[in-house]
Protein backbone atom coordinates (compact mmCIF):
# COMPACT_ATOMS: atom_id res chain seq x y z
CA MET A 1 -9.79 -72.78 6.13
CA ARG A 2 -12.58 -75.28 5.43
CA ARG A 3 -14.60 -72.42 3.98
CA ALA A 4 -11.62 -71.41 1.80
CA ILE A 5 -11.44 -74.99 0.48
CA GLU A 6 -15.18 -74.99 -0.15
CA LEU A 7 -14.89 -71.75 -2.11
CA ALA A 8 -11.89 -73.05 -4.07
CA GLN A 9 -13.90 -76.04 -5.28
CA LYS A 10 -16.24 -73.69 -7.13
CA GLY A 11 -13.49 -73.26 -9.70
CA ALA A 12 -13.12 -77.01 -10.33
CA GLY A 13 -12.43 -77.69 -13.99
CA ARG A 14 -12.10 -74.01 -14.86
CA THR A 15 -8.74 -72.83 -13.46
CA SER A 16 -6.31 -75.09 -15.36
CA PRO A 17 -3.35 -74.74 -15.61
CA ASN A 18 -3.72 -72.73 -12.41
CA PRO A 19 -4.66 -74.19 -9.00
CA MET A 20 -8.02 -73.91 -7.26
CA VAL A 21 -7.87 -71.25 -4.56
CA GLY A 22 -10.39 -69.86 -2.11
CA ALA A 23 -9.96 -66.88 0.21
CA VAL A 24 -11.73 -65.64 3.33
CA VAL A 25 -11.09 -62.30 5.06
CA VAL A 26 -12.03 -62.42 8.76
CA LYS A 27 -12.33 -59.50 11.18
CA GLY A 28 -13.83 -59.53 14.63
CA GLY A 29 -14.68 -63.21 14.28
CA LYS A 30 -16.77 -62.64 11.16
CA ALA A 31 -16.12 -63.24 7.47
CA VAL A 32 -16.11 -59.82 5.82
CA GLY A 33 -14.94 -60.87 2.36
CA GLU A 34 -14.81 -64.06 0.31
CA GLY A 35 -13.48 -64.95 -3.11
CA TYR A 36 -12.29 -67.79 -5.30
CA HIS A 37 -10.32 -68.21 -8.51
CA ALA A 38 -13.04 -68.70 -11.11
CA LYS A 39 -10.99 -69.17 -14.27
CA ALA A 40 -7.42 -68.93 -15.53
CA GLY A 41 -6.68 -65.32 -16.45
CA ARG A 42 -9.31 -63.89 -14.12
CA PRO A 43 -8.54 -62.25 -10.74
CA HIS A 44 -7.21 -64.56 -8.07
CA ALA A 45 -9.17 -65.49 -4.95
CA GLU A 46 -7.34 -63.00 -2.73
CA ILE A 47 -8.25 -60.07 -4.98
CA GLY A 48 -11.95 -60.86 -4.92
CA ALA A 49 -12.03 -61.38 -1.14
CA LEU A 50 -10.06 -58.19 -0.41
CA LYS A 51 -12.25 -56.17 -2.76
CA LYS A 52 -15.41 -57.34 -0.96
CA ALA A 53 -13.86 -56.63 2.42
CA GLY A 54 -12.81 -53.12 1.39
CA ARG A 55 -11.53 -51.02 4.32
CA ARG A 56 -12.40 -53.81 6.74
CA ALA A 57 -9.40 -55.76 5.40
CA ARG A 58 -7.03 -53.47 7.34
CA GLY A 59 -5.90 -55.35 10.43
CA ALA A 60 -7.89 -58.44 9.42
CA SER A 61 -6.89 -62.07 8.94
CA LEU A 62 -6.81 -63.74 5.54
CA TYR A 63 -7.32 -67.49 5.07
CA LEU A 64 -5.95 -69.14 1.90
CA ASN A 65 -5.74 -72.81 0.98
CA LEU A 66 -2.61 -72.02 -1.09
CA GLU A 67 0.32 -69.65 -0.61
CA PRO A 68 -0.29 -66.31 -2.41
CA CYS A 69 1.57 -65.73 -5.66
CA CYS A 70 4.40 -63.21 -5.72
CA HIS A 71 5.17 -63.00 -9.43
CA PHE A 72 3.65 -61.44 -12.53
CA GLY A 73 1.77 -63.99 -14.63
CA ARG A 74 -1.54 -63.32 -16.32
CA THR A 75 -2.35 -61.23 -13.25
CA PRO A 76 -0.25 -59.09 -10.84
CA PRO A 77 1.25 -60.56 -7.63
CA CYS A 78 -1.31 -61.19 -4.89
CA THR A 79 1.27 -60.42 -2.21
CA ASP A 80 1.23 -56.77 -3.34
CA ALA A 81 -2.55 -56.60 -2.95
CA ILE A 82 -2.42 -58.22 0.51
CA LEU A 83 0.16 -55.72 1.73
CA ALA A 84 -1.70 -52.77 0.19
CA ALA A 85 -4.91 -53.85 1.94
CA GLY A 86 -3.19 -53.80 5.35
CA VAL A 87 -3.93 -57.43 6.27
CA ALA A 88 -2.37 -58.27 9.65
CA LYS A 89 -2.27 -62.05 9.56
CA VAL A 90 -2.40 -64.72 6.85
CA PHE A 91 -3.26 -68.39 7.38
CA VAL A 92 -1.99 -70.65 4.58
CA GLY A 93 -3.06 -74.25 3.98
CA MET A 94 -0.07 -75.32 1.86
CA ARG A 95 2.96 -73.84 0.18
CA ASP A 96 2.86 -73.36 -3.57
CA PRO A 97 5.05 -75.98 -5.32
CA ASN A 98 5.53 -73.62 -8.28
CA PRO A 99 9.27 -72.72 -8.36
CA LEU A 100 8.28 -69.11 -9.06
CA VAL A 101 6.66 -69.00 -5.60
CA ALA A 102 7.79 -71.95 -3.41
CA GLY A 103 7.82 -70.04 -0.11
CA ARG A 104 8.72 -66.62 -1.53
CA GLY A 105 5.15 -65.36 -1.16
CA ILE A 106 5.22 -66.22 2.54
CA ARG A 107 8.65 -64.66 3.07
CA ILE A 108 7.61 -61.42 1.34
CA LEU A 109 4.63 -61.08 3.68
CA GLN A 110 6.71 -61.89 6.78
CA LYS A 111 9.42 -59.43 5.81
CA ALA A 112 6.73 -56.73 5.57
CA GLY A 113 5.54 -57.50 9.11
CA VAL A 114 2.55 -59.73 8.31
CA ARG A 115 2.18 -62.71 10.63
CA VAL A 116 1.90 -65.94 8.62
CA GLN A 117 0.86 -69.39 9.83
CA THR A 118 1.15 -72.35 7.47
CA GLY A 119 0.00 -75.96 7.33
CA ILE A 120 -3.66 -75.43 8.26
CA LEU A 121 -5.52 -78.55 6.96
CA ARG A 122 -2.46 -79.17 4.78
CA GLU A 123 -3.42 -82.69 3.66
CA GLU A 124 -6.89 -81.58 2.58
CA CYS A 125 -5.41 -78.61 0.71
CA GLU A 126 -2.89 -80.84 -1.07
CA ARG A 127 -5.61 -83.32 -2.05
CA LEU A 128 -7.74 -80.48 -3.39
CA ASN A 129 -4.96 -79.42 -5.76
CA GLU A 130 -3.40 -82.83 -6.47
CA VAL A 131 -3.69 -82.18 -10.21
CA PHE A 132 -1.84 -78.87 -9.98
CA VAL A 133 0.85 -80.30 -7.69
CA LYS A 134 1.57 -83.22 -10.06
CA TYR A 135 1.59 -81.00 -13.14
CA ILE A 136 3.77 -78.24 -11.71
CA ARG A 137 6.35 -80.74 -10.43
CA SER A 138 6.52 -83.05 -13.45
CA ARG A 139 5.01 -81.01 -16.30
CA THR A 140 2.89 -84.04 -17.12
CA PRO A 141 -0.86 -84.43 -16.53
CA PHE A 142 -2.44 -86.06 -13.50
CA VAL A 143 -3.97 -89.29 -14.82
CA VAL A 144 -7.19 -90.86 -13.55
CA LEU A 145 -8.16 -94.33 -14.77
CA LYS A 146 -11.90 -94.97 -14.53
CA ALA A 147 -13.83 -98.17 -15.22
CA ALA A 148 -17.24 -99.65 -14.51
CA ILE A 149 -16.96 -103.29 -13.43
CA SER A 150 -19.09 -106.17 -12.23
CA LEU A 151 -18.33 -107.78 -8.87
CA ASP A 152 -16.20 -110.34 -10.71
CA GLY A 153 -14.19 -107.59 -12.38
CA LYS A 154 -15.68 -107.69 -15.89
CA ILE A 155 -16.21 -104.57 -17.99
CA ALA A 156 -18.38 -106.28 -20.63
CA THR A 157 -19.95 -109.60 -21.49
CA ALA A 158 -18.23 -112.11 -23.77
CA ALA A 159 -20.41 -110.72 -26.57
CA GLY A 160 -19.08 -107.20 -25.90
CA GLU A 161 -22.16 -105.70 -24.23
CA SER A 162 -21.24 -103.11 -21.59
CA ARG A 163 -24.18 -100.68 -21.44
CA TRP A 164 -24.90 -100.27 -18.70
CA ILE A 165 -22.96 -102.13 -16.01
CA SER A 166 -23.01 -99.18 -13.64
CA GLY A 167 -26.13 -97.31 -12.54
CA ALA A 168 -27.38 -93.80 -13.28
CA ALA A 169 -25.79 -92.32 -10.12
CA SER A 170 -22.36 -93.61 -11.15
CA ARG A 171 -22.74 -92.32 -14.70
CA LYS A 172 -23.65 -88.89 -13.31
CA ILE A 173 -20.34 -88.82 -11.41
CA VAL A 174 -18.49 -89.72 -14.62
CA HIS A 175 -20.06 -86.76 -16.43
CA GLU A 176 -19.04 -84.52 -13.51
CA LEU A 177 -15.51 -85.91 -13.83
CA ARG A 178 -15.43 -85.04 -17.53
CA ASP A 179 -16.52 -81.53 -16.60
CA ARG A 180 -13.54 -81.17 -14.25
CA VAL A 181 -10.67 -82.74 -16.21
CA ASP A 182 -8.82 -81.18 -19.11
CA ALA A 183 -9.01 -84.23 -21.36
CA VAL A 184 -10.56 -87.68 -21.80
CA LEU A 185 -8.54 -90.43 -23.49
CA VAL A 186 -9.83 -93.57 -25.22
CA GLY A 187 -8.44 -96.22 -27.51
CA ALA A 188 -9.67 -97.23 -30.94
CA GLY A 189 -11.36 -100.33 -29.52
CA THR A 190 -13.66 -98.28 -27.30
CA VAL A 191 -14.64 -96.01 -30.18
CA LEU A 192 -15.32 -98.97 -32.49
CA LYS A 193 -17.40 -100.79 -29.86
CA ASP A 194 -19.30 -97.97 -28.12
CA ASP A 195 -19.05 -94.94 -30.45
CA PRO A 196 -18.97 -92.58 -27.43
CA LEU A 197 -19.43 -88.82 -27.46
CA LEU A 198 -17.16 -88.29 -24.41
CA THR A 199 -18.89 -85.02 -23.56
CA ALA A 200 -19.98 -83.72 -20.15
CA ARG A 201 -23.75 -83.99 -19.97
CA LEU A 202 -24.94 -82.46 -16.70
CA GLY A 203 -28.63 -81.99 -17.35
CA ARG A 204 -29.75 -78.41 -16.85
CA ARG A 205 -26.34 -77.32 -15.59
CA LYS A 206 -24.01 -76.36 -18.41
CA GLY A 207 -20.89 -78.49 -18.45
CA LYS A 208 -17.42 -77.99 -19.90
CA ASN A 209 -16.53 -80.60 -22.47
CA PRO A 210 -13.03 -82.03 -22.11
CA VAL A 211 -10.50 -82.29 -24.90
CA ARG A 212 -11.10 -85.69 -26.53
CA ILE A 213 -8.00 -87.79 -27.21
CA VAL A 214 -8.23 -90.84 -29.47
CA LEU A 215 -5.42 -93.43 -29.64
CA ASP A 216 -5.50 -95.09 -33.05
CA ASN A 217 -2.10 -96.44 -34.05
CA ARG A 218 -3.61 -98.60 -36.83
CA ASN A 219 -5.98 -95.94 -38.22
CA LEU A 220 -9.10 -98.02 -37.62
CA VAL A 221 -11.50 -95.39 -36.25
CA PRO A 222 -14.16 -94.35 -38.81
CA LEU A 223 -14.15 -90.64 -39.52
CA ASN A 224 -17.89 -90.45 -38.94
CA SER A 225 -17.48 -91.59 -35.31
CA ARG A 226 -19.26 -89.42 -32.76
CA VAL A 227 -16.00 -88.65 -30.96
CA PHE A 228 -15.14 -86.35 -33.90
CA TYR A 229 -18.42 -84.39 -33.75
CA ASN A 230 -17.90 -80.62 -33.43
CA ALA A 231 -14.13 -81.00 -33.67
CA ASP A 232 -14.01 -77.57 -35.25
CA THR A 233 -15.34 -75.99 -32.02
CA GLN A 234 -14.48 -78.58 -29.34
CA ARG A 235 -10.90 -79.80 -29.36
CA VAL A 236 -10.18 -83.36 -30.49
CA ILE A 237 -6.65 -84.82 -30.63
CA TYR A 238 -5.98 -87.83 -32.84
CA VAL A 239 -2.91 -89.86 -31.82
CA SER A 240 -1.32 -92.25 -34.31
CA THR A 241 2.05 -93.99 -34.33
CA GLY A 242 1.90 -95.02 -37.97
CA GLN A 243 2.01 -93.19 -41.24
CA LEU A 244 -1.33 -91.54 -41.86
CA PRO A 245 -2.70 -91.93 -45.38
CA GLU A 246 -2.69 -88.50 -47.01
CA GLU A 247 -6.42 -88.56 -47.68
CA ARG A 248 -7.24 -89.50 -44.07
CA GLU A 249 -4.96 -86.83 -42.67
CA SER A 250 -6.48 -84.17 -44.93
CA GLU A 251 -10.02 -85.13 -43.93
CA LEU A 252 -9.18 -85.12 -40.22
CA ARG A 253 -7.64 -81.67 -40.50
CA ARG A 254 -10.62 -80.43 -42.53
CA MET A 255 -12.89 -81.58 -39.69
CA GLY A 256 -10.81 -79.56 -37.21
CA VAL A 257 -9.10 -82.55 -35.57
CA GLU A 258 -5.58 -81.99 -34.25
CA ILE A 259 -3.10 -84.70 -35.24
CA CYS A 260 -0.51 -85.65 -32.66
CA PRO A 261 2.13 -88.11 -33.87
CA ALA A 262 3.48 -90.29 -31.07
CA PRO A 263 6.34 -92.76 -30.87
CA GLU A 264 5.58 -96.46 -30.71
CA LYS A 265 6.62 -98.77 -27.91
CA ASP A 266 5.99 -102.53 -28.07
CA GLY A 267 3.52 -102.01 -30.90
CA LYS A 268 1.48 -99.42 -29.00
CA VAL A 269 1.49 -95.70 -28.34
CA ASP A 270 4.29 -94.72 -25.98
CA LEU A 271 2.07 -93.28 -23.25
CA ARG A 272 4.86 -91.73 -21.22
CA GLN A 273 6.01 -89.65 -24.18
CA LEU A 274 2.42 -88.84 -25.13
CA LEU A 275 1.77 -87.46 -21.64
CA ARG A 276 4.88 -85.31 -21.89
CA ASN A 277 3.52 -83.95 -25.16
CA LEU A 278 0.12 -83.27 -23.56
CA GLY A 279 1.84 -81.50 -20.67
CA GLU A 280 3.53 -79.18 -23.15
CA MET A 281 0.01 -78.36 -24.40
CA GLU A 282 -0.86 -77.30 -20.80
CA LEU A 283 -3.27 -80.19 -20.35
CA THR A 284 -2.96 -80.84 -16.62
CA SER A 285 -5.37 -83.76 -16.14
CA VAL A 286 -6.42 -86.75 -18.23
CA LEU A 287 -9.27 -89.19 -17.59
CA ILE A 288 -8.71 -92.59 -19.19
CA GLU A 289 -11.98 -94.19 -20.26
CA GLY A 290 -10.45 -96.91 -22.38
CA GLY A 291 -10.96 -100.63 -22.60
CA SER A 292 -8.93 -103.33 -20.88
CA GLU A 293 -5.92 -103.03 -23.23
CA VAL A 294 -5.53 -99.25 -22.90
CA ASN A 295 -5.96 -99.62 -19.13
CA ALA A 296 -3.25 -102.28 -19.07
CA SER A 297 -0.89 -100.14 -21.16
CA ALA A 298 -1.38 -97.17 -18.82
CA ILE A 299 -0.77 -99.21 -15.68
CA GLU A 300 2.24 -101.02 -17.16
CA ALA A 301 3.71 -97.66 -18.22
CA LYS A 302 3.21 -96.42 -14.63
CA VAL A 303 1.44 -93.25 -15.72
CA VAL A 304 -1.75 -93.71 -13.68
CA ASP A 305 -1.99 -91.58 -10.54
CA LYS A 306 -5.51 -92.39 -9.40
CA ILE A 307 -7.91 -95.24 -10.08
CA MET A 308 -11.71 -95.08 -9.85
CA LEU A 309 -13.71 -98.30 -10.15
CA PHE A 310 -17.49 -98.25 -10.12
CA ALA A 311 -18.43 -101.76 -8.97
CA ALA A 312 -21.99 -102.83 -9.75
CA PRO A 313 -23.74 -105.58 -7.73
CA VAL A 314 -23.84 -108.05 -10.64
CA VAL A 315 -21.80 -111.08 -11.69
CA ILE A 316 -21.12 -111.47 -15.43
CA GLY A 317 -18.76 -114.42 -15.72
CA GLY A 318 -17.44 -115.92 -18.94
CA ARG A 319 -13.91 -116.81 -20.01
CA GLY A 320 -14.18 -114.48 -22.96
CA ALA A 321 -15.57 -111.52 -20.99
CA PRO A 322 -12.88 -108.82 -20.63
CA GLY A 323 -11.66 -107.67 -17.24
CA ALA A 324 -10.86 -104.09 -16.32
CA VAL A 325 -7.14 -104.59 -17.03
CA GLY A 326 -5.93 -106.77 -19.90
CA GLY A 327 -2.43 -107.10 -21.27
CA GLU A 328 0.01 -109.86 -20.37
CA GLY A 329 -0.40 -109.32 -16.64
CA ILE A 330 2.08 -110.38 -13.98
CA GLU A 331 3.42 -113.81 -13.07
CA SER A 332 4.06 -113.21 -9.38
CA LEU A 333 1.86 -111.49 -6.80
CA ARG A 334 5.01 -109.73 -5.62
CA ASP A 335 4.77 -107.68 -8.81
CA ALA A 336 1.15 -106.63 -8.24
CA HIS A 337 0.48 -102.90 -8.31
CA PRO A 338 -0.46 -101.73 -4.81
CA VAL A 339 -3.37 -99.32 -4.46
CA LYS A 340 -2.82 -96.83 -1.66
CA ARG A 341 -5.24 -94.67 0.35
CA LEU A 342 -8.16 -96.78 -0.86
CA THR A 343 -11.64 -95.52 -0.03
CA VAL A 344 -15.03 -97.12 -0.72
CA ARG A 345 -18.38 -95.36 -0.83
CA ARG A 346 -21.87 -96.17 -1.95
CA VAL A 347 -23.09 -94.52 -5.16
CA GLY A 348 -26.71 -95.45 -5.80
CA LYS A 349 -26.69 -99.23 -6.13
CA ASP A 350 -22.97 -99.29 -6.94
CA PHE A 351 -19.77 -98.93 -4.92
CA LEU A 352 -17.05 -96.48 -5.90
CA LEU A 353 -13.51 -97.61 -5.08
CA GLU A 354 -10.92 -94.83 -5.25
CA GLY A 355 -7.21 -95.13 -4.64
CA TYR A 356 -3.76 -94.06 -5.78
CA LEU A 357 -1.19 -96.09 -7.70
């Protein structure tokens, strides 16, 4: 099962809106076929593994981190292929939360005489596909909030300087994150201050650039900002709550930028409704790389699933230096947002704190 998980991870950032799945066919104590889901629309992991195993699949065991599908989607049901191959036993890491499957794949195999064992490394399998699980259950994207902070919690100096608080190793992880998520979201303030590209730059390895989402309810972002580069070939979504001037709207559309009107809440973009809209676009994961105000809005709206803080061993100080989360804040510690399943690891000279809200 650990090998199936390892194989599944090869499809990270490429299978959306599908899950990551790996498959291993074992016979006589040896792996005779392996496969993974490489991209949405391509053959599923089971098909690749069974094809490599060939006749050796008959009477063999099949290990899958996720229950096999049993419905026609972009590809035929995997349960049919498993039965046709003559597999004797199937080990499943977790059940598929998709209502079209949800245990039916397992029952079909059992009814046909295949022995099925479930729950193998279940927690690891669920963590692997946490994006898919959230999306399939709520039809809204899994949201990760990322920030680089000093030890005293600042994301910039009082003068606005923020490059670079975190080290090269941390920035490499951020580019790998962009390669894996469907979209990256920033506010107008970040664009005005940093003029970011928001692309996945992985050196020699070719990355997948995420959809870039810009929140700009006051239409402040200059149209020559780098976030709009190549909008005709790499998707950019412009979110505004106000009335767009006709000339600005025409120019954005000419550049290839998609315009997504969003309702306003307390003078800002209603993030909960925006995420529902993004879910309808089949965007399953969003990385927030905003400033302190966007971070505060996301946390106050309770849309953040996971938080990633890259803490650098420096102290910035300053009353006017922004912290990672702005907004009005809370008055009582009883109202503080608890971070669960917190982990800490060293990344170069920095520390990466990861947890769930």
